[in-house]
């Protein structure tokens, strides 16, 4: 590299805020769906419906809500102390629920393989990475939050974005959520519920057969 090229590169200015925003919207958020689908595949391969069952599947739905609600609000409203509080609370609760999820799986007969654990590491770290980037972008709102929002009349209410995201982008994200989150995890929950009902019915039938057999044996012994 020549001295002239080095000077040209060093003189280039980049809008860090704009670059970070593009990274969040077109990099981090879309890539979030990849480990989500991979995790569903691992649940299916380890037959969650026959092991941990509906309980673990419901925990997965809870975690998606804990992450999905803050994301939906961030796409529609300005970042302020209220929204930061929702984001921080959602990340903290999501982490606690993730621990509960793994414990539920481990305590059941479902094998949580190393690959699935590695997938979990992405799903757990992405919310904190997104939140850290947002806090850097909105350092003034972080300071306002630390001050309790004093002096800001809009600190504790939802304020629509001054520059709304395009309808095309929002529609694309909604389609990705439906395809990569709602559809596979809805299928998982339905599969767990159906299997649970079938197993309970089989248990009831087995109990009834045992009761009839015991009654028949008692009748013969008289």
Protein backbone atom coordinates (compact mmCIF):
# COMPACT_ATOMS: atom_id res chain seq x y z
CA UNK A 1 0.00 0.00 0.00
CA UNK A 2 1.37 3.38 -0.96
CA UNK A 3 1.57 6.41 1.34
CA UNK A 4 -1.03 8.13 -0.81
CA UNK A 5 -3.50 5.26 -0.40
CA UNK A 6 -2.93 5.21 3.36
CA UNK A 7 -3.66 8.93 3.57
CA UNK A 8 -6.79 8.48 1.49
CA UNK A 9 -8.10 5.73 3.80
CA UNK A 10 -7.29 7.66 6.96
CA UNK A 11 -9.07 10.71 5.55
CA UNK A 12 -12.26 8.79 4.84
CA UNK A 13 -14.97 9.59 7.33
CA UNK A 14 -17.72 7.15 8.22
CA UNK A 15 -21.01 7.98 9.88
CA UNK A 16 -20.74 5.49 12.73
CA UNK A 17 -24.34 6.02 13.80
CA UNK A 18 -25.67 5.32 10.32
CA UNK A 19 -23.40 2.29 9.90
CA UNK A 20 -24.48 0.87 13.28
CA UNK A 21 -28.15 1.39 12.45
CA UNK A 22 -27.74 -0.44 9.13
CA UNK A 23 -25.91 -3.24 10.93
CA UNK A 24 -28.78 -3.64 13.41
CA UNK A 25 -31.54 -3.50 10.81
CA UNK A 26 -30.00 -5.46 7.96
CA UNK A 27 -27.37 -7.57 9.73
CA UNK A 28 -28.06 -8.53 13.31
CA UNK A 29 -31.86 -8.70 13.26
CA UNK A 30 -32.21 -10.84 10.09
CA UNK A 31 -29.36 -13.13 11.20
CA UNK A 32 -31.20 -13.74 14.48
CA UNK A 33 -33.60 -16.04 12.64
CA UNK A 34 -30.83 -18.48 11.67
CA UNK A 35 -30.00 -19.84 15.16
CA UNK A 36 -33.71 -19.74 15.99
CA UNK A 37 -34.56 -22.14 13.17
CA UNK A 38 -31.47 -24.24 13.97
CA UNK A 39 -32.63 -24.58 17.58
CA UNK A 40 -36.07 -25.75 16.42
CA UNK A 41 -34.39 -28.36 14.22
CA UNK A 42 -32.46 -29.65 17.25
CA UNK A 43 -35.68 -29.86 19.30
CA UNK A 44 -37.29 -31.87 16.52
CA UNK A 45 -34.32 -34.21 16.11
CA UNK A 46 -34.30 -34.96 19.85
CA UNK A 47 -38.09 -35.56 19.83
CA UNK A 48 -39.07 -32.89 22.31
CA UNK A 49 -42.70 -34.04 22.17
CA UNK A 50 -41.74 -37.42 23.65
CA UNK A 51 -39.36 -36.09 26.32
CA UNK A 52 -39.60 -32.58 27.80
CA UNK A 53 -42.97 -32.09 26.10
CA UNK A 54 -45.34 -29.14 26.26
CA UNK A 55 -43.64 -27.51 29.24
CA UNK A 56 -40.39 -26.86 27.42
CA UNK A 57 -42.18 -25.80 24.25
CA UNK A 58 -44.18 -23.23 26.23
CA UNK A 59 -40.93 -21.92 27.72
CA UNK A 60 -39.66 -21.41 24.16
CA UNK A 61 -42.79 -19.39 23.35
CA UNK A 62 -42.23 -17.30 26.50
CA UNK A 63 -38.64 -16.53 25.49
CA UNK A 64 -39.75 -15.44 22.03
CA UNK A 65 -42.26 -13.06 23.58
CA UNK A 66 -39.61 -11.66 25.94
CA UNK A 67 -37.44 -10.79 22.96
CA UNK A 68 -40.16 -10.11 20.40
CA UNK A 69 -42.06 -7.43 22.32
CA UNK A 70 -39.01 -5.14 22.83
CA UNK A 71 -38.00 -5.63 19.18
CA UNK A 72 -41.49 -4.75 17.93
CA UNK A 73 -41.58 -1.62 20.09
CA UNK A 74 -38.10 -0.56 18.95
CA UNK A 75 -39.09 -0.85 15.29
CA UNK A 76 -42.06 1.46 15.82
CA UNK A 77 -41.04 3.91 18.56
CA UNK A 78 -38.19 6.21 19.51
CA UNK A 79 -35.58 4.96 21.95
CA UNK A 80 -36.13 6.74 25.28
CA UNK A 81 -35.88 5.80 28.99
CA UNK A 82 -39.17 3.88 28.84
CA UNK A 83 -38.14 1.81 25.84
CA UNK A 84 -34.66 1.24 27.26
CA UNK A 85 -36.25 -0.04 30.47
CA UNK A 86 -38.39 -2.47 28.47
CA UNK A 87 -35.34 -3.62 26.51
CA UNK A 88 -33.18 -4.09 29.62
CA UNK A 89 -35.97 -5.89 31.44
CA UNK A 90 -36.67 -8.13 28.47
CA UNK A 91 -32.98 -9.08 28.13
CA UNK A 92 -32.68 -9.88 31.84
CA UNK A 93 -35.87 -11.95 31.97
CA UNK A 94 -34.92 -13.72 28.73
CA UNK A 95 -31.60 -14.77 30.27
CA UNK A 96 -33.31 -16.12 33.39
CA UNK A 97 -35.85 -17.99 31.27
CA UNK A 98 -33.05 -19.44 29.13
CA UNK A 99 -31.53 -20.99 32.26
CA UNK A 100 -34.93 -22.41 33.18
CA UNK A 101 -35.29 -23.79 29.65
CA UNK A 102 -31.98 -25.66 29.72
CA UNK A 103 -32.66 -27.01 33.21
CA UNK A 104 -36.07 -28.25 32.08
CA UNK A 105 -34.53 -30.01 29.08
CA UNK A 106 -31.69 -31.55 31.10
CA UNK A 107 -34.07 -32.77 33.82
CA UNK A 108 -36.18 -34.49 31.17
CA UNK A 109 -35.19 -37.39 28.93
CA UNK A 110 -34.26 -35.03 26.08
CA UNK A 111 -30.56 -34.93 25.23
CA UNK A 112 -29.20 -31.40 24.85
CA UNK A 113 -26.28 -31.99 22.51
CA UNK A 114 -23.16 -29.75 22.30
CA UNK A 115 -24.35 -28.35 18.97
CA UNK A 116 -27.61 -27.20 20.54
CA UNK A 117 -25.74 -25.67 23.47
CA UNK A 118 -23.59 -23.73 21.00
CA UNK A 119 -26.74 -22.53 19.23
CA UNK A 120 -28.05 -21.34 22.61
CA UNK A 121 -24.91 -19.24 23.06
CA UNK A 122 -25.87 -17.22 19.97
CA UNK A 123 -29.50 -16.86 21.06
CA UNK A 124 -28.43 -15.64 24.50
CA UNK A 125 -25.74 -13.22 23.35
CA UNK A 126 -27.61 -11.56 20.47
CA UNK A 127 -30.05 -9.60 22.72
CA UNK A 128 -27.15 -8.14 24.70
CA UNK A 129 -25.24 -7.30 21.51
CA UNK A 130 -28.25 -5.51 20.06
CA UNK A 131 -28.92 -3.68 23.30
CA UNK A 132 -25.29 -2.56 23.64
CA UNK A 133 -25.36 -1.14 20.11
CA UNK A 134 -28.62 0.69 20.77
CA UNK A 135 -27.27 2.17 24.00
CA UNK A 136 -24.19 3.44 22.15
CA UNK A 137 -26.42 4.98 19.49
CA UNK A 138 -28.61 6.65 22.12
CA UNK A 139 -26.15 7.56 24.85
CA UNK A 140 -28.19 10.67 25.66
CA UNK A 141 -31.22 8.50 26.45
CA UNK A 142 -29.08 6.23 28.63
CA UNK A 143 -28.02 9.29 30.63
CA UNK A 144 -31.67 10.36 30.84
CA UNK A 145 -32.60 6.91 32.14
CA UNK A 146 -29.90 7.12 34.83
CA UNK A 147 -31.36 10.48 35.86
CA UNK A 148 -34.84 8.98 36.05
CA UNK A 149 -35.96 10.91 32.96
CA UNK A 150 -35.95 14.21 34.80
CA UNK A 151 -36.53 17.17 32.52
CA UNK A 152 -37.78 15.07 29.61
CA UNK A 153 -41.59 15.11 29.24
CA UNK A 154 -41.43 12.21 26.76
CA UNK A 155 -39.15 10.00 28.86
CA UNK A 156 -41.86 7.66 30.09
CA UNK A 157 -44.21 7.40 27.16
CA UNK A 158 -44.04 5.71 23.78
CA UNK A 159 -43.11 8.21 21.09
CA UNK A 160 -43.59 7.17 17.42
CA UNK A 161 -40.42 7.25 15.33
CA UNK A 162 -39.67 10.60 13.81
CA UNK A 163 -38.31 8.72 10.78
CA UNK A 164 -40.53 5.62 10.48
CA UNK A 165 -39.05 2.51 8.92
CA UNK A 166 -40.34 1.71 5.45
CA UNK A 167 -43.41 -0.46 5.08
CA UNK A 168 -41.40 -2.80 2.89
CA UNK A 169 -38.83 -3.40 5.62
CA UNK A 170 -41.47 -3.94 8.30
CA UNK A 171 -43.38 -6.30 6.03
CA UNK A 172 -40.18 -8.25 5.34
CA UNK A 173 -39.40 -8.60 9.05
CA UNK A 174 -43.00 -9.62 9.76
CA UNK A 175 -42.81 -12.27 7.03
CA UNK A 176 -39.50 -13.57 8.42
CA UNK A 177 -40.98 -13.77 11.94
CA UNK A 178 -43.97 -15.69 10.64
CA UNK A 179 -41.84 -18.07 8.59
CA UNK A 180 -38.88 -18.60 10.94
CA UNK A 181 -40.48 -18.19 14.38
CA UNK A 182 -44.26 -18.49 14.54
CA UNK A 183 -44.62 -21.32 12.03
CA UNK A 184 -41.91 -23.71 13.30
CA UNK A 185 -42.44 -23.08 17.00
CA UNK A 186 -46.21 -23.17 16.61
CA UNK A 187 -45.79 -26.55 14.92
CA UNK A 188 -43.57 -27.67 17.82
CA UNK A 189 -46.12 -26.65 20.44
CA UNK A 190 -48.97 -28.31 18.54
CA UNK A 191 -46.92 -31.48 18.18
CA UNK A 192 -46.17 -31.51 21.92
CA UNK A 193 -49.81 -30.93 22.86
CA UNK A 194 -51.04 -33.70 20.57
CA UNK A 195 -48.46 -36.16 21.84
CA UNK A 196 -49.24 -35.27 25.45
CA UNK A 197 -52.94 -35.89 24.90
CA UNK A 198 -52.25 -39.20 23.17
CA UNK A 199 -49.96 -40.33 25.98
CA UNK A 200 -52.49 -39.37 28.63
CA UNK A 201 -55.20 -41.26 26.75
CA UNK A 202 -52.97 -44.32 26.50
CA UNK A 203 -52.23 -44.11 30.22
CA UNK A 204 -55.94 -43.87 31.01
CA UNK A 205 -56.67 -46.87 28.80
CA UNK A 206 -53.86 -48.83 30.43
CA UNK A 207 -55.21 -47.92 33.89
CA UNK A 208 -58.71 -48.98 32.86
CA UNK A 209 -57.41 -52.30 31.51
CA UNK A 210 -55.50 -52.91 34.71
CA UNK A 211 -58.56 -52.08 36.81
CA UNK A 212 -60.73 -54.46 34.77
CA UNK A 213 -58.11 -57.19 35.03
CA UNK A 214 -57.90 -56.71 38.83
CA UNK A 215 -61.68 -56.78 39.13
CA UNK A 216 -61.86 -59.96 37.05
CA UNK A 217 -59.21 -61.64 39.16
CA UNK A 218 -61.04 -60.63 42.34
CA UNK A 219 -64.30 -62.08 40.99
CA UNK A 220 -62.69 -65.42 40.22
CA UNK A 221 -61.19 -65.62 43.68
CA UNK A 222 -64.53 -65.46 45.44
